[in-house]
């Protein structure tokens, strides 16, 4: 059952990273055929940048991965307060 937990968690984490940690970029990297993870990135408002060859390694085997990015001001994650959902400006 899909109930939005992953997108909610990712939105909170991204908001915290931008506001509290001052990050200027977050990369989301998922195996090319991991449709669920790629959908979370897209619903977050992340920008698809490329399919990078040999980007992820599992058990010593390299795999291509889809790379997405979030930057402050371009995604809804950076304007939500982590606890109450109220809008905040950067």
Protein backbone atom coordinates (compact mmCIF):
# COMPACT_ATOMS: atom_id res chain seq x y z
CA UNK A 1 0.00 0.00 0.00
CA UNK A 2 1.36 3.41 -0.95
CA UNK A 3 0.46 6.03 1.61
CA UNK A 4 3.03 8.77 1.02
CA UNK A 5 5.39 7.99 3.89
CA UNK A 6 8.53 8.06 1.70
CA UNK A 7 7.68 11.43 0.13
CA UNK A 8 6.79 12.93 3.52
CA UNK A 9 10.06 11.69 5.05
CA UNK A 10 12.11 12.92 2.09
CA UNK A 11 10.41 16.33 2.22
CA UNK A 12 11.18 16.68 5.93
CA UNK A 13 14.80 15.59 5.46
CA UNK A 14 15.35 17.98 2.55
CA UNK A 15 13.78 20.88 4.42
CA UNK A 16 16.00 20.21 7.43
CA UNK A 17 19.09 19.91 5.23
CA UNK A 18 18.47 23.25 3.54
CA UNK A 19 17.29 25.25 6.56
CA UNK A 20 19.24 23.83 9.46
CA UNK A 21 22.40 22.49 7.82
CA UNK A 22 22.70 25.14 5.13
CA UNK A 23 23.22 22.65 2.31
CA UNK A 24 23.14 24.11 -1.18
CA UNK A 25 22.49 20.84 -3.03
CA UNK A 26 21.05 17.41 -2.36
CA UNK A 27 21.51 14.53 -4.78
CA UNK A 28 19.06 11.67 -4.99
CA UNK A 29 20.58 8.62 -6.63
CA UNK A 30 18.51 5.53 -7.51
CA UNK A 31 19.03 2.48 -9.63
CA UNK A 32 17.67 3.13 -13.11
CA UNK A 33 14.96 0.48 -12.76
CA UNK A 34 13.91 1.49 -9.21
CA UNK A 35 10.69 3.16 -10.29
CA UNK A 36 9.40 3.78 -6.75
CA UNK A 37 12.51 5.71 -5.64
CA UNK A 38 12.61 7.69 -8.86
CA UNK A 39 8.94 8.59 -8.40
CA UNK A 40 9.68 9.93 -4.90
CA UNK A 41 12.43 12.15 -6.33
CA UNK A 42 10.08 13.45 -9.02
CA UNK A 43 7.24 14.11 -6.58
CA UNK A 44 9.69 16.06 -4.41
CA UNK A 45 10.33 18.34 -7.35
CA UNK A 46 13.88 17.14 -7.93
CA UNK A 47 15.45 17.78 -11.32
CA UNK A 48 16.53 14.75 -13.32
CA UNK A 49 20.14 15.32 -14.33
CA UNK A 50 21.44 12.13 -15.91
CA UNK A 51 21.89 8.40 -15.88
CA UNK A 52 25.40 7.93 -14.55
CA UNK A 53 27.26 4.77 -15.46
CA UNK A 54 28.79 2.77 -12.60
CA UNK A 55 27.36 5.29 -10.09
CA UNK A 56 26.29 2.72 -7.48
CA UNK A 57 28.16 -0.38 -6.37
CA UNK A 58 26.45 -3.34 -4.68
CA UNK A 59 28.43 -6.43 -3.64
CA UNK A 60 31.31 -5.23 -5.78
CA UNK A 61 29.19 -4.89 -8.93
CA UNK A 62 28.75 -1.40 -10.44
CA UNK A 63 25.31 -0.30 -11.64
CA UNK A 64 24.02 2.68 -13.59
CA UNK A 65 21.87 5.06 -11.57
CA UNK A 66 19.50 7.94 -12.19
CA UNK A 67 20.75 11.16 -10.58
CA UNK A 68 18.34 13.88 -9.43
CA UNK A 69 19.11 17.13 -7.63
CA UNK A 70 17.37 19.48 -5.23
CA UNK A 71 18.61 23.01 -4.61
CA UNK A 72 17.13 25.65 -2.28
CA UNK A 73 14.31 27.64 -3.82
CA UNK A 74 13.42 25.07 -6.48
CA UNK A 75 11.50 22.49 -4.49
CA UNK A 76 8.61 22.54 -2.04
CA UNK A 77 10.79 20.81 0.57
CA UNK A 78 12.75 23.95 1.44
CA UNK A 79 9.72 26.07 2.35
CA UNK A 80 7.97 23.74 4.79
CA UNK A 81 8.60 23.75 8.50
CA UNK A 82 9.63 20.29 9.64
CA UNK A 83 7.02 20.03 12.41
CA UNK A 84 3.90 21.91 11.44
CA UNK A 85 3.93 22.29 7.64
CA UNK A 86 3.74 26.11 7.84
CA UNK A 87 5.37 28.01 4.99
CA UNK A 88 8.71 29.67 5.72
CA UNK A 89 10.90 31.83 3.56
CA UNK A 90 14.59 31.20 3.18
